[in-house]
Amino acid sequence: MDPNQLSPREIDLAMQALPPQARIALEAMAQMQNRPAEDVLRDQIRQYIAGRMPIVNIDAAMQAIQATAHTAGYLIGRLRRLARETGSE
């Protein structure tokens, strides 16, 4: 979910759900950054989500899939050969 795609209503609900201390901190950050509090909240949500998402090594995943597919193909070929040899005797 992209925090930039949150509707104004969703941002308002999130702002209302914040405890008073969090609202004070958010307002202070907004003033320091000279930005609206809603934008600062969106950034905080984005950073929170990014911190929770594991980093996936795509190259390693693709290599693992290729190795597994190669092994599976080899095994299927061997089973076919075995089936042909056994069926002809």
Protein backbone atom coordinates (compact mmCIF):
# COMPACT_ATOMS: atom_id res chain seq x y z
CA MET A 1 0.00 0.00 0.00
CA ASP A 2 1.33 3.39 -1.01
CA PRO A 3 0.70 6.07 1.64
CA ASN A 4 0.46 8.67 -1.14
CA GLN A 5 -2.69 6.96 -2.36
CA LEU A 6 -4.51 7.33 0.94
CA SER A 7 -7.65 9.40 0.65
CA PRO A 8 -8.04 12.58 2.71
CA ARG A 9 -10.68 10.77 4.77
CA GLU A 10 -8.24 7.95 5.59
CA ILE A 11 -5.57 10.46 6.61
CA ASP A 12 -8.10 12.27 8.79
CA LEU A 13 -9.05 9.00 10.47
CA ALA A 14 -5.38 8.20 11.10
CA MET A 15 -4.79 11.69 12.51
CA GLN A 16 -7.80 11.36 14.84
CA ALA A 17 -6.62 7.95 16.04
CA LEU A 18 -3.24 9.30 17.13
CA PRO A 19 -2.70 9.76 20.85
CA PRO A 20 -2.16 13.37 21.96
CA GLN A 21 1.60 12.89 22.40
CA ALA A 22 1.93 11.56 18.85
CA ARG A 23 -0.09 14.47 17.48
CA ILE A 24 2.16 16.95 19.29
CA ALA A 25 5.27 15.22 17.92
CA LEU A 26 3.77 15.13 14.42
CA GLU A 27 2.91 18.83 14.54
CA ALA A 28 6.43 19.65 15.77
CA MET A 29 7.96 17.65 12.92
CA ALA A 30 5.64 19.36 10.44
CA GLN A 31 6.68 22.80 11.70
CA MET A 32 10.38 21.90 11.59
CA GLN A 33 10.03 20.60 8.02
CA ASN A 34 7.68 23.45 7.03
CA ARG A 35 5.20 20.93 5.64
CA PRO A 36 1.61 19.94 6.38
CA ALA A 37 1.20 17.40 9.17
CA GLU A 38 -0.63 15.08 6.77
CA ASP A 39 2.43 14.89 4.50
CA VAL A 40 4.68 14.18 7.46
CA LEU A 41 2.28 11.42 8.56
CA ARG A 42 2.39 9.90 5.06
CA ASP A 43 6.21 9.89 5.21
CA GLN A 44 6.17 8.25 8.63
CA ILE A 45 3.77 5.57 7.39
CA ARG A 46 5.99 4.94 4.34
CA GLN A 47 9.09 4.62 6.53
CA TYR A 48 7.26 2.28 8.92
CA ILE A 49 6.15 0.02 6.06
CA ALA A 50 9.62 0.07 4.50
CA GLY A 51 11.13 -0.96 7.83
CA ARG A 52 8.75 -3.92 8.07
CA MET A 53 9.22 -5.19 4.52
CA PRO A 54 12.01 -7.71 4.04
CA ILE A 55 14.52 -6.95 1.30
CA VAL A 56 14.30 -9.63 -1.38
CA ASN A 57 17.35 -10.57 -3.40
CA ILE A 58 15.69 -11.06 -6.80
CA ASP A 59 18.82 -12.44 -8.48
CA ALA A 60 19.27 -15.13 -5.85
CA ALA A 61 15.59 -16.03 -6.01
CA MET A 62 15.74 -16.37 -9.81
CA GLN A 63 18.86 -18.54 -9.59
CA ALA A 64 17.17 -20.80 -7.04
CA ILE A 65 14.10 -21.13 -9.25
CA GLN A 66 16.27 -21.91 -12.28
CA ALA A 67 18.24 -24.54 -10.37
CA THR A 68 15.04 -26.15 -9.10
CA ALA A 69 13.49 -26.11 -12.58
CA HIS A 70 16.64 -27.64 -14.06
CA THR A 71 16.67 -30.41 -11.47
CA ALA A 72 12.96 -31.08 -11.97
CA GLY A 73 13.44 -31.23 -15.75
CA TYR A 74 16.31 -33.65 -15.36
CA LEU A 75 14.29 -35.90 -13.05
CA ILE A 76 11.29 -35.89 -15.40
CA GLY A 77 13.56 -36.81 -18.30
CA ARG A 78 15.09 -39.69 -16.34
CA LEU A 79 11.63 -40.95 -15.33
CA ARG A 80 10.46 -40.86 -18.96
CA ARG A 81 13.55 -42.77 -20.04
CA LEU A 82 13.01 -45.33 -17.29
CA ALA A 83 9.34 -45.68 -18.28
CA ARG A 84 10.30 -46.21 -21.95
CA GLU A 85 12.97 -48.77 -21.06
CA THR A 86 10.72 -50.65 -18.65
CA GLY A 87 7.77 -50.60 -21.01
CA SER A 88 9.74 -52.08 -23.91
CA GLU A 89 11.00 -55.16 -22.01
